[in-house]
Structure formats: C-alpha cells, structure tokens
Amino acid sequence: MSRYYRYRLPPWAKKCIIIIEKVTLPILIFQLIRTLLFPTSLDVFLLGILAGLFIAFYLEWI
C-alpha cells in the first residue's frame, strides 16, 4: 500500500492544497458565527465538514 504524500504532487496541485489550507480557518470561524446566530441543519453540516477538513490539515492527514 503506497502512502499519500502531498510533496509528490504536481506543483499546481500542491499550490491548490496550500491555498485551501490557508483559507479553511477563516471560513470555519465565519461558519461557526453564522451557525451560532442562525442555526439550520445545512449550517451545522457545513460546520462539521469544515471542522473535519481543518483537523485533517492540522494533523497533516492531507
């Protein structure tokens, strides 16, 4: 089983991952505030997806 390494990707793919990694935290904070003010099932679902993505980047799973 080969392990996934982000550094083996083409330069354009590495750049996309870095951009997504940098933008995730501000969007997560905005979504958290929005969910606290106007909670809907879609907002909670998006918050969960963004939190999972942020944790995956933080623990370097992606």
C-alpha atoms as a PDB file:
ATOM      1  CA  MET A   1       0.000   0.000   0.000  1.00  0.00           C
ATOM      2  CA  SER A   2       1.550   3.286  -1.016  1.00  0.00           C
ATOM      3  CA  ARG A   3       1.234   6.225   1.289  1.00  0.00           C
ATOM      4  CA  TYR A   4      -0.091   9.568   0.077  1.00  0.00           C
ATOM      5  CA  TYR A   5       2.488  12.349   0.146  1.00  0.00           C
ATOM      6  CA  ARG A   6       1.454  15.873  -0.766  1.00  0.00           C
ATOM      7  CA  TYR A   7       5.036  16.684  -1.784  1.00  0.00           C
ATOM      8  CA  ARG A   8       4.931  14.187  -4.664  1.00  0.00           C
ATOM      9  CA  LEU A   9       2.062  16.027  -6.328  1.00  0.00           C
ATOM     10  CA  PRO A  10       2.486  18.312  -9.322  1.00  0.00           C
ATOM     11  CA  PRO A  11       3.207  21.964  -8.481  1.00  0.00           C
ATOM     12  CA  TRP A  12      -0.297  23.140  -9.384  1.00  0.00           C
ATOM     13  CA  ALA A  13      -1.880  20.562  -7.046  1.00  0.00           C
ATOM     14  CA  LYS A  14       0.451  21.495  -4.172  1.00  0.00           C
ATOM     15  CA  LYS A  15      -0.458  25.147  -4.672  1.00  0.00           C
ATOM     16  CA  CYS A  16      -4.191  24.350  -4.558  1.00  0.00           C
ATOM     17  CA  ILE A  17      -3.790  22.352  -1.331  1.00  0.00           C
ATOM     18  CA  ILE A  18      -1.795  25.173   0.290  1.00  0.00           C
ATOM     19  CA  ILE A  19      -4.455  27.728  -0.679  1.00  0.00           C
ATOM     20  CA  ILE A  20      -7.261  25.544   0.681  1.00  0.00           C
ATOM     21  CA  GLU A  21      -5.269  25.004   3.887  1.00  0.00           C
ATOM     22  CA  LYS A  22      -4.813  28.764   4.431  1.00  0.00           C
ATOM     23  CA  VAL A  23      -8.452  29.656   3.689  1.00  0.00           C
ATOM     24  CA  THR A  24     -10.033  26.933   5.841  1.00  0.00           C
ATOM     25  CA  LEU A  25      -9.654  28.653   9.241  1.00  0.00           C
ATOM     26  CA  PRO A  26     -11.294  31.999   8.323  1.00  0.00           C
ATOM     27  CA  ILE A  27     -14.192  30.214   6.609  1.00  0.00           C
ATOM     28  CA  LEU A  28     -14.537  27.915   9.634  1.00  0.00           C
ATOM     29  CA  ILE A  29     -14.739  30.892  12.009  1.00  0.00           C
ATOM     30  CA  PHE A  30     -17.305  32.630   9.795  1.00  0.00           C
ATOM     31  CA  GLN A  31     -19.392  29.452   9.599  1.00  0.00           C
ATOM     32  CA  LEU A  32     -19.217  28.990  13.376  1.00  0.00           C
ATOM     33  CA  ILE A  33     -20.535  32.528  13.956  1.00  0.00           C
ATOM     34  CA  ARG A  34     -23.244  32.034  11.352  1.00  0.00           C
ATOM     35  CA  THR A  35     -24.268  28.708  12.899  1.00  0.00           C
ATOM     36  CA  LEU A  36     -24.465  30.247  16.368  1.00  0.00           C
ATOM     37  CA  LEU A  37     -26.676  33.098  15.112  1.00  0.00           C
ATOM     38  CA  PHE A  38     -28.892  31.253  12.597  1.00  0.00           C
ATOM     39  CA  PRO A  39     -28.673  27.502  13.212  1.00  0.00           C
ATOM     40  CA  THR A  40     -30.020  25.370  10.396  1.00  0.00           C
ATOM     41  CA  SER A  41     -29.222  21.781   9.562  1.00  0.00           C
ATOM     42  CA  LEU A  42     -27.247  22.893   6.493  1.00  0.00           C
ATOM     43  CA  ASP A  43     -25.109  25.257   8.595  1.00  0.00           C
ATOM     44  CA  VAL A  44     -24.366  22.531  11.129  1.00  0.00           C
ATOM     45  CA  PHE A  45     -23.478  20.123   8.312  1.00  0.00           C
ATOM     46  CA  LEU A  46     -21.127  22.659   6.679  1.00  0.00           C
ATOM     47  CA  LEU A  47     -19.543  23.442  10.045  1.00  0.00           C
ATOM     48  CA  GLY A  48     -18.856  19.744  10.591  1.00  0.00           C
ATOM     49  CA  ILE A  49     -17.302  19.357   7.136  1.00  0.00           C
ATOM     50  CA  LEU A  50     -15.112  22.438   7.615  1.00  0.00           C
ATOM     51  CA  ALA A  51     -14.052  21.366  11.111  1.00  0.00           C
ATOM     52  CA  GLY A  52     -13.097  17.930   9.792  1.00  0.00           C
ATOM     53  CA  LEU A  53     -11.128  19.487   6.954  1.00  0.00           C
ATOM     54  CA  PHE A  54      -9.338  21.847   9.330  1.00  0.00           C
ATOM     55  CA  ILE A  55      -8.447  18.988  11.694  1.00  0.00           C
ATOM     56  CA  ALA A  56      -7.181  16.909   8.763  1.00  0.00           C
ATOM     57  CA  PHE A  57      -4.883  19.742   7.689  1.00  0.00           C
ATOM     58  CA  TYR A  58      -3.787  20.446  11.271  1.00  0.00           C
ATOM     59  CA  LEU A  59      -2.856  16.802  11.929  1.00  0.00           C
ATOM     60  CA  GLU A  60      -1.284  16.617   8.439  1.00  0.00           C
ATOM     61  CA  TRP A  61      -3.532  13.808   7.239  1.00  0.00           C
ATOM     62  CA  ILE A  62      -3.852  15.700   3.952  1.00  0.00           C
END
